[in-house]
């Protein structure tokens, strides 16, 4: 028998104590498509009035962590519309007015959009936003994005 304690397979001793990937993700409330559609309509009305900060803060305050792919895609397109319609000169001011949690969610959306074809077509806009987030908040939002298991 091998007595080297470094080579003992602990998982083989206790089968029920294994963690799965689902165990590591915090629970999230389910979000319906209708809820996100309402958010989308309210954001569009705020953008029509020129209230970009209110639209951004409203959309980032309730990300649909518990939604399915269709719900997340609608919310992603809502945030993308805000990012595209905001003037580059006002991005730093908007990011500075966001709370830390909202900045973290914004970074999640920026990275998600960068991974998609429509985001890659507007990469200059997304990189400008990311640059302003880092300029205003430092590297904290990026580090928290990398460690958070919840996806948008």
N, C-alpha and C. Protein backbone atom coordinates (compact mmCIF):
# COMPACT_ATOMS: atom_id res chain seq x y z
N UNK A 1 0.85 -1.19 0.00
CA UNK A 1 0.00 0.00 0.00
C UNK A 1 0.88 1.24 0.00
N UNK A 2 0.48 2.20 -0.80
CA UNK A 2 1.22 3.44 -0.92
C UNK A 2 0.90 4.31 0.29
N UNK A 3 1.91 4.73 1.02
CA UNK A 3 1.70 5.53 2.22
C UNK A 3 1.99 7.00 1.99
N UNK A 4 2.30 7.36 0.78
CA UNK A 4 2.56 8.76 0.47
C UNK A 4 1.24 9.52 0.46
N UNK A 5 1.03 10.38 1.43
CA UNK A 5 -0.24 11.08 1.59
C UNK A 5 -0.53 12.04 0.43
N UNK A 6 0.48 12.43 -0.31
CA UNK A 6 0.28 13.34 -1.44
C UNK A 6 -0.42 12.66 -2.61
N UNK A 7 -0.42 11.37 -2.65
CA UNK A 7 -0.97 10.63 -3.79
C UNK A 7 -2.35 10.01 -3.49
N UNK A 8 -2.92 10.32 -2.35
CA UNK A 8 -4.24 9.80 -2.01
C UNK A 8 -5.30 10.57 -2.80
N UNK A 9 -6.18 9.84 -3.48
CA UNK A 9 -7.26 10.44 -4.24
C UNK A 9 -8.43 10.68 -3.29
N UNK A 10 -8.55 11.90 -2.80
CA UNK A 10 -9.58 12.23 -1.82
C UNK A 10 -10.97 12.12 -2.43
N UNK A 11 -11.11 12.46 -3.70
CA UNK A 11 -12.42 12.37 -4.35
C UNK A 11 -12.94 10.94 -4.39
N UNK A 12 -12.05 9.97 -4.46
CA UNK A 12 -12.48 8.57 -4.49
C UNK A 12 -13.00 8.14 -3.12
N UNK A 13 -12.56 8.79 -2.05
CA UNK A 13 -12.99 8.43 -0.71
C UNK A 13 -14.39 8.95 -0.40
N UNK A 14 -14.71 10.14 -0.87
CA UNK A 14 -16.01 10.75 -0.58
C UNK A 14 -16.63 11.22 -1.89
N UNK A 15 -17.44 10.37 -2.49
CA UNK A 15 -18.05 10.66 -3.79
C UNK A 15 -18.99 11.87 -3.76
N UNK A 16 -19.74 12.06 -2.69
CA UNK A 16 -20.76 13.10 -2.64
C UNK A 16 -20.24 14.50 -2.40
N UNK A 17 -18.97 14.69 -2.18
CA UNK A 17 -18.43 16.00 -1.84
C UNK A 17 -17.79 16.72 -3.01
N UNK A 18 -18.13 16.36 -4.22
CA UNK A 18 -17.56 17.02 -5.39
C UNK A 18 -18.40 18.24 -5.76
N UNK A 19 -17.72 19.28 -6.18
CA UNK A 19 -18.40 20.47 -6.66
C UNK A 19 -18.52 20.42 -8.17
N UNK A 20 -19.65 20.81 -8.66
CA UNK A 20 -19.83 20.93 -10.11
C UNK A 20 -19.74 22.41 -10.49
N UNK A 21 -19.69 22.68 -11.77
CA UNK A 21 -19.64 24.07 -12.23
C UNK A 21 -20.90 24.83 -11.81
N UNK A 22 -22.03 24.15 -11.78
CA UNK A 22 -23.29 24.79 -11.38
C UNK A 22 -23.27 25.18 -9.90
N UNK A 23 -22.52 24.45 -9.08
CA UNK A 23 -22.42 24.77 -7.66
C UNK A 23 -21.66 26.06 -7.41
N UNK A 24 -20.80 26.43 -8.33
CA UNK A 24 -19.97 27.61 -8.16
C UNK A 24 -20.65 28.90 -8.59
N UNK A 25 -21.73 28.80 -9.35
CA UNK A 25 -22.45 29.98 -9.83
C UNK A 25 -23.50 30.37 -8.79
N UNK A 26 -23.49 31.63 -8.35
CA UNK A 26 -24.50 32.05 -7.39
C UNK A 26 -25.90 31.95 -7.99
N UNK A 27 -26.90 31.64 -7.18
CA UNK A 27 -28.26 31.55 -7.72
C UNK A 27 -28.75 32.91 -8.20
N UNK A 28 -29.52 32.90 -9.27
CA UNK A 28 -30.07 34.14 -9.83
C UNK A 28 -31.57 33.97 -10.04
N UNK A 29 -32.27 35.07 -9.87
CA UNK A 29 -33.72 35.05 -10.08
C UNK A 29 -34.02 34.86 -11.57
N UNK A 30 -35.02 34.07 -11.89
CA UNK A 30 -35.39 33.93 -13.30
C UNK A 30 -35.94 35.25 -13.84
N UNK A 31 -35.59 35.54 -15.08
CA UNK A 31 -36.02 36.78 -15.73
C UNK A 31 -36.77 36.40 -17.00
N UNK A 32 -37.94 36.98 -17.19
CA UNK A 32 -38.73 36.66 -18.37
C UNK A 32 -38.39 37.60 -19.52
N UNK A 33 -38.74 37.17 -20.71
CA UNK A 33 -38.52 37.98 -21.91
C UNK A 33 -39.33 39.27 -21.84
N UNK A 34 -40.52 39.21 -21.28
CA UNK A 34 -41.38 40.38 -21.18
C UNK A 34 -40.75 41.45 -20.28
N UNK A 35 -40.11 41.02 -19.18
CA UNK A 35 -39.44 41.97 -18.29
C UNK A 35 -38.34 42.72 -19.02
N UNK A 36 -37.56 42.01 -19.79
CA UNK A 36 -36.46 42.63 -20.52
C UNK A 36 -37.00 43.49 -21.66
N UNK A 37 -38.11 43.09 -22.26
CA UNK A 37 -38.73 43.90 -23.31
C UNK A 37 -39.21 45.24 -22.76
N UNK A 38 -39.71 45.24 -21.53
CA UNK A 38 -40.13 46.48 -20.88
C UNK A 38 -38.91 47.37 -20.64
N UNK A 39 -37.82 46.78 -20.16
CA UNK A 39 -36.59 47.54 -19.96
C UNK A 39 -36.12 48.12 -21.28
N UNK A 40 -36.18 47.33 -22.34
CA UNK A 40 -35.76 47.78 -23.66
C UNK A 40 -36.58 48.99 -24.12
N UNK A 41 -37.89 48.94 -23.93
CA UNK A 41 -38.75 50.06 -24.34
C UNK A 41 -38.46 51.32 -23.52
N UNK A 42 -38.25 51.15 -22.22
CA UNK A 42 -37.96 52.31 -21.37
C UNK A 42 -36.61 52.92 -21.73
N UNK A 43 -35.64 52.08 -22.05
CA UNK A 43 -34.33 52.58 -22.45
C UNK A 43 -34.44 53.35 -23.76
N UNK A 44 -35.21 52.83 -24.70
CA UNK A 44 -35.39 53.53 -25.98
C UNK A 44 -36.04 54.89 -25.78
N UNK A 45 -37.01 54.97 -24.87
CA UNK A 45 -37.65 56.27 -24.62
C UNK A 45 -36.68 57.23 -23.94
N UNK A 46 -35.83 56.73 -23.05
CA UNK A 46 -34.83 57.58 -22.41
C UNK A 46 -33.80 58.06 -23.43
N UNK A 47 -33.40 57.19 -24.34
CA UNK A 47 -32.44 57.59 -25.38
C UNK A 47 -33.06 58.63 -26.31
N UNK A 48 -34.34 58.51 -26.60
CA UNK A 48 -35.01 59.48 -27.47
C UNK A 48 -35.04 60.87 -26.82
N UNK A 49 -35.09 60.90 -25.48
CA UNK A 49 -35.07 62.17 -24.76
C UNK A 49 -33.65 62.69 -24.57
N UNK A 50 -32.64 61.88 -24.92
CA UNK A 50 -31.25 62.30 -24.75
C UNK A 50 -30.70 62.03 -23.36
N UNK A 51 -31.36 61.21 -22.59
CA UNK A 51 -30.94 60.89 -21.22
C UNK A 51 -30.12 59.60 -21.23
N UNK A 52 -28.92 59.70 -21.77
CA UNK A 52 -28.08 58.51 -21.93
C UNK A 52 -27.64 57.92 -20.59
N UNK A 53 -27.32 58.78 -19.62
CA UNK A 53 -26.90 58.26 -18.32
C UNK A 53 -28.02 57.46 -17.67
N UNK A 54 -29.22 58.02 -17.66
CA UNK A 54 -30.35 57.31 -17.05
C UNK A 54 -30.62 55.98 -17.75
N UNK A 55 -30.51 55.99 -19.08
CA UNK A 55 -30.73 54.75 -19.83
C UNK A 55 -29.66 53.72 -19.49
N UNK A 56 -28.41 54.16 -19.41
CA UNK A 56 -27.32 53.23 -19.10
C UNK A 56 -27.44 52.69 -17.68
N UNK A 57 -27.66 53.58 -16.72
CA UNK A 57 -27.78 53.15 -15.33
C UNK A 57 -28.97 52.21 -15.14
N UNK A 58 -30.07 52.50 -15.82
CA UNK A 58 -31.27 51.67 -15.70
C UNK A 58 -31.02 50.27 -16.27
N UNK A 59 -30.36 50.21 -17.40
CA UNK A 59 -30.13 48.90 -18.02
C UNK A 59 -29.07 48.09 -17.27
N UNK A 60 -28.09 48.77 -16.66
CA UNK A 60 -27.04 48.05 -15.95
C UNK A 60 -27.44 47.67 -14.52
N UNK A 61 -28.50 48.28 -14.01
CA UNK A 61 -28.89 48.00 -12.62
C UNK A 61 -29.56 46.64 -12.46
N UNK A 62 -30.05 46.06 -13.55
CA UNK A 62 -30.73 44.77 -13.43
C UNK A 62 -30.35 43.84 -14.58
N UNK A 63 -29.12 43.33 -14.58
CA UNK A 63 -28.73 42.40 -15.65
C UNK A 63 -29.47 41.07 -15.50
N UNK A 64 -29.86 40.46 -16.60
CA UNK A 64 -30.67 39.22 -16.53
C UNK A 64 -29.80 37.98 -16.34
N UNK A 65 -29.19 37.84 -15.16
CA UNK A 65 -28.35 36.67 -14.90
C UNK A 65 -29.15 35.37 -14.98
N UNK A 66 -30.42 35.42 -14.59
CA UNK A 66 -31.24 34.21 -14.56
C UNK A 66 -32.04 33.98 -15.82
N UNK A 67 -31.77 34.72 -16.87
CA UNK A 67 -32.54 34.57 -18.10
C UNK A 67 -31.94 33.56 -19.05
N UNK A 68 -32.74 33.14 -20.02
CA UNK A 68 -32.22 32.24 -21.04
C UNK A 68 -31.46 33.05 -22.10
N UNK A 69 -30.97 32.38 -23.13
CA UNK A 69 -30.14 33.05 -24.13
C UNK A 69 -30.89 34.14 -24.88
N UNK A 70 -32.17 33.93 -25.14
CA UNK A 70 -32.96 34.93 -25.87
C UNK A 70 -33.12 36.20 -25.03
N UNK A 71 -33.35 36.04 -23.74
CA UNK A 71 -33.49 37.18 -22.83
C UNK A 71 -32.17 37.94 -22.75
N UNK A 72 -31.08 37.21 -22.60
CA UNK A 72 -29.77 37.85 -22.50
C UNK A 72 -29.41 38.57 -23.80
N UNK A 73 -29.79 38.01 -24.93
CA UNK A 73 -29.49 38.64 -26.22
C UNK A 73 -30.25 39.96 -26.38
N UNK A 74 -31.50 39.99 -25.95
CA UNK A 74 -32.28 41.23 -26.03
C UNK A 74 -31.68 42.30 -25.13
N UNK A 75 -31.29 41.92 -23.93
CA UNK A 75 -30.70 42.90 -23.01
C UNK A 75 -29.34 43.36 -23.53
N UNK A 76 -28.60 42.46 -24.12
CA UNK A 76 -27.30 42.81 -24.71
C UNK A 76 -27.48 43.83 -25.83
N UNK A 77 -28.48 43.63 -26.68
CA UNK A 77 -28.72 44.59 -27.76
C UNK A 77 -29.17 45.94 -27.22
N UNK A 78 -29.89 45.93 -26.10
CA UNK A 78 -30.31 47.18 -25.46
C UNK A 78 -29.10 47.96 -24.99
N UNK A 79 -28.18 47.29 -24.30
CA UNK A 79 -26.97 47.95 -23.81
C UNK A 79 -26.12 48.41 -24.99
N UNK A 80 -26.03 47.60 -26.03
CA UNK A 80 -25.23 47.96 -27.20
C UNK A 80 -25.78 49.22 -27.87
N UNK A 81 -27.09 49.35 -27.93
CA UNK A 81 -27.69 50.56 -28.50
C UNK A 81 -27.28 51.80 -27.71
N UNK A 82 -27.24 51.67 -26.39
CA UNK A 82 -26.84 52.80 -25.55
C UNK A 82 -25.38 53.16 -25.83
N UNK A 83 -24.53 52.16 -25.88
CA UNK A 83 -23.10 52.41 -26.09
C UNK A 83 -22.85 53.08 -27.44
N UNK A 84 -23.57 52.65 -28.47
CA UNK A 84 -23.37 53.21 -29.81
C UNK A 84 -23.89 54.63 -29.94
N UNK A 85 -24.95 54.97 -29.22
CA UNK A 85 -25.56 56.29 -29.39
C UNK A 85 -24.96 57.36 -28.47
N UNK A 86 -24.12 56.97 -27.54
CA UNK A 86 -23.52 57.94 -26.62
C UNK A 86 -22.33 58.60 -27.29
N UNK A 87 -22.24 59.91 -27.14
CA UNK A 87 -21.12 60.66 -27.71
C UNK A 87 -19.83 60.28 -26.99
N UNK A 88 -18.75 60.18 -27.74
CA UNK A 88 -17.46 59.79 -27.17
C UNK A 88 -16.99 60.78 -26.12
N UNK A 89 -17.31 62.05 -26.29
CA UNK A 89 -16.85 63.07 -25.34
C UNK A 89 -17.52 62.94 -23.97
N UNK A 90 -18.67 62.30 -23.90
CA UNK A 90 -19.36 62.19 -22.61
C UNK A 90 -19.21 60.83 -21.94
N UNK A 91 -18.42 59.94 -22.54
CA UNK A 91 -18.28 58.58 -21.99
C UNK A 91 -17.63 58.60 -20.61
N UNK A 92 -16.55 59.35 -20.44
CA UNK A 92 -15.84 59.38 -19.15
C UNK A 92 -16.75 59.90 -18.04
N UNK A 93 -17.54 60.92 -18.34
CA UNK A 93 -18.45 61.46 -17.34
C UNK A 93 -19.51 60.43 -16.95
N UNK A 94 -20.06 59.74 -17.95
CA UNK A 94 -21.08 58.72 -17.67
C UNK A 94 -20.51 57.59 -16.83
N UNK A 95 -19.33 57.12 -17.18
CA UNK A 95 -18.71 56.01 -16.44
C UNK A 95 -18.42 56.44 -15.01
N UNK A 96 -17.97 57.67 -14.82
CA UNK A 96 -17.68 58.18 -13.48
C UNK A 96 -18.90 58.27 -12.59
N UNK A 97 -20.07 58.48 -13.18
CA UNK A 97 -21.29 58.59 -12.40
C UNK A 97 -21.90 57.24 -12.05
N UNK A 98 -21.44 56.17 -12.69
CA UNK A 98 -21.96 54.83 -12.40
C UNK A 98 -21.44 54.32 -11.07
N UNK A 99 -22.21 53.48 -10.42
CA UNK A 99 -21.74 52.83 -9.19
C UNK A 99 -20.72 51.74 -9.55
N UNK A 100 -20.04 51.22 -8.56
CA UNK A 100 -19.05 50.17 -8.80
C UNK A 100 -19.70 48.93 -9.41
N UNK A 101 -20.86 48.55 -8.91
CA UNK A 101 -21.55 47.38 -9.46
C UNK A 101 -21.95 47.61 -10.91
N UNK A 102 -22.41 48.81 -11.22
CA UNK A 102 -22.79 49.12 -12.60
C UNK A 102 -21.58 49.13 -13.52
N UNK A 103 -20.45 49.60 -13.02
CA UNK A 103 -19.21 49.56 -13.82
C UNK A 103 -18.79 48.12 -14.10
N UNK A 104 -18.94 47.26 -13.10
CA UNK A 104 -18.60 45.85 -13.28
C UNK A 104 -19.49 45.20 -14.34
N UNK A 105 -20.79 45.49 -14.29
CA UNK A 105 -21.71 44.94 -15.28
C UNK A 105 -21.40 45.50 -16.66
N UNK A 106 -21.03 46.77 -16.73
CA UNK A 106 -20.66 47.37 -18.01
C UNK A 106 -19.47 46.65 -18.63
N UNK A 107 -18.48 46.31 -17.82
CA UNK A 107 -17.32 45.57 -18.33
C UNK A 107 -17.74 44.20 -18.84
N UNK A 108 -18.67 43.55 -18.14
CA UNK A 108 -19.17 42.25 -18.62
C UNK A 108 -19.79 42.39 -20.01
N UNK A 109 -20.59 43.43 -20.18
CA UNK A 109 -21.22 43.64 -21.49
C UNK A 109 -20.20 44.01 -22.55
N UNK A 110 -19.20 44.79 -22.19
CA UNK A 110 -18.17 45.16 -23.17
C UNK A 110 -17.43 43.93 -23.67
N UNK A 111 -17.03 43.06 -22.76
CA UNK A 111 -16.32 41.85 -23.17
C UNK A 111 -17.24 40.90 -23.95
N UNK A 112 -18.48 40.80 -23.54
CA UNK A 112 -19.43 39.96 -24.27
C UNK A 112 -19.61 40.47 -25.70
N UNK A 113 -19.76 41.77 -25.84
CA UNK A 113 -19.94 42.36 -27.17
C UNK A 113 -18.68 42.19 -28.03
N UNK A 114 -17.51 42.29 -27.40
CA UNK A 114 -16.27 42.12 -28.16
C UNK A 114 -16.14 40.71 -28.73
N UNK A 115 -16.81 39.75 -28.12
CA UNK A 115 -16.71 38.37 -28.58
C UNK A 115 -17.71 38.06 -29.70
N UNK A 116 -18.60 38.98 -30.00
CA UNK A 116 -19.63 38.75 -31.01
C UNK A 116 -19.31 39.50 -32.30
N UNK A 117 -19.79 39.02 -33.45
CA UNK A 117 -19.51 39.69 -34.72
C UNK A 117 -19.98 41.15 -34.77
N UNK A 118 -21.18 41.45 -34.25
CA UNK A 118 -21.64 42.83 -34.30
C UNK A 118 -20.80 43.74 -33.42
N UNK A 119 -20.25 43.21 -32.35
CA UNK A 119 -19.36 43.99 -31.50
C UNK A 119 -18.01 44.21 -32.14
N UNK A 120 -17.54 43.22 -32.88
CA UNK A 120 -16.26 43.36 -33.56
C UNK A 120 -16.33 44.40 -34.67
N UNK A 121 -17.50 44.60 -35.25
CA UNK A 121 -17.66 45.64 -36.26
C UNK A 121 -17.62 47.03 -35.64
N UNK A 122 -17.96 47.13 -34.37
CA UNK A 122 -17.92 48.41 -33.65
C UNK A 122 -16.86 48.37 -32.55
N UNK A 123 -15.75 47.74 -32.84
CA UNK A 123 -14.72 47.55 -31.80
C UNK A 123 -14.14 48.86 -31.31
N UNK A 124 -14.07 49.87 -32.16
CA UNK A 124 -13.55 51.17 -31.73
C UNK A 124 -14.40 51.78 -30.62
N UNK A 125 -15.70 51.66 -30.76
CA UNK A 125 -16.62 52.19 -29.74
C UNK A 125 -16.44 51.42 -28.43
N UNK A 126 -16.38 50.10 -28.53
CA UNK A 126 -16.27 49.28 -27.32
C UNK A 126 -14.94 49.50 -26.61
N UNK A 127 -13.87 49.61 -27.39
CA UNK A 127 -12.56 49.84 -26.78
C UNK A 127 -12.48 51.23 -26.15
N UNK A 128 -13.14 52.21 -26.74
CA UNK A 128 -13.18 53.55 -26.13
C UNK A 128 -13.90 53.50 -24.79
N UNK A 129 -15.01 52.75 -24.73
CA UNK A 129 -15.72 52.60 -23.45
C UNK A 129 -14.84 51.88 -22.43
N UNK A 130 -14.19 50.80 -22.84
CA UNK A 130 -13.34 50.05 -21.91
C UNK A 130 -12.19 50.92 -21.42
N UNK A 131 -11.62 51.72 -22.31
CA UNK A 131 -10.53 52.62 -21.93
C UNK A 131 -11.00 53.62 -20.87
N UNK A 132 -12.19 54.15 -21.04
CA UNK A 132 -12.71 55.11 -20.06
C UNK A 132 -13.04 54.44 -18.73
N UNK A 133 -13.51 53.20 -18.77
CA UNK A 133 -13.78 52.48 -17.52
C UNK A 133 -12.48 52.29 -16.75
N UNK A 134 -11.42 51.88 -17.44
CA UNK A 134 -10.13 51.67 -16.79
C UNK A 134 -9.57 53.01 -16.30
N UNK A 135 -9.75 54.05 -17.08
CA UNK A 135 -9.26 55.37 -16.70
C UNK A 135 -9.96 55.87 -15.44
N UNK A 136 -11.25 55.66 -15.35
CA UNK A 136 -12.03 56.17 -14.22
C UNK A 136 -11.95 55.25 -13.01
N UNK A 137 -12.09 53.94 -13.22
CA UNK A 137 -12.23 53.01 -12.09
C UNK A 137 -11.00 52.14 -11.86
N UNK A 138 -10.01 52.22 -12.73
CA UNK A 138 -8.83 51.36 -12.57
C UNK A 138 -9.10 49.96 -13.11
N UNK A 139 -8.28 49.01 -12.70
CA UNK A 139 -8.41 47.64 -13.18
C UNK A 139 -9.40 46.80 -12.38
N UNK A 140 -9.98 47.35 -11.33
CA UNK A 140 -10.90 46.61 -10.48
C UNK A 140 -12.06 45.96 -11.21
N UNK A 141 -12.78 46.70 -12.07
CA UNK A 141 -13.90 46.07 -12.78
C UNK A 141 -13.47 44.90 -13.67
N UNK A 142 -12.30 44.98 -14.26
CA UNK A 142 -11.82 43.88 -15.10
C UNK A 142 -11.50 42.66 -14.25
N UNK A 143 -10.86 42.88 -13.12
CA UNK A 143 -10.52 41.77 -12.23
C UNK A 143 -11.78 41.12 -11.68
N UNK A 144 -12.76 41.93 -11.30
CA UNK A 144 -14.02 41.37 -10.80
C UNK A 144 -14.77 40.64 -11.91
N UNK A 145 -14.68 41.13 -13.14
CA UNK A 145 -15.29 40.42 -14.28
C UNK A 145 -14.67 39.04 -14.45
N UNK A 146 -13.36 38.96 -14.35
CA UNK A 146 -12.68 37.68 -14.53
C UNK A 146 -13.01 36.68 -13.43
N UNK A 147 -13.34 37.17 -12.25
CA UNK A 147 -13.62 36.27 -11.12
C UNK A 147 -15.09 35.96 -10.92
N UNK A 148 -15.97 36.71 -11.55
CA UNK A 148 -17.41 36.50 -11.37
C UNK A 148 -17.89 35.41 -12.32
N UNK A 149 -18.63 34.46 -11.80
CA UNK A 149 -19.12 33.34 -12.60
C UNK A 149 -20.45 33.63 -13.28
N UNK A 150 -21.10 34.72 -12.89
CA UNK A 150 -22.38 35.07 -13.52
C UNK A 150 -22.11 35.69 -14.88
N UNK A 151 -22.88 35.29 -15.87
CA UNK A 151 -22.68 35.80 -17.22
C UNK A 151 -23.89 36.61 -17.67
N UNK A 152 -23.61 37.55 -18.56
CA UNK A 152 -24.68 38.38 -19.12
C UNK A 152 -24.99 37.93 -20.53
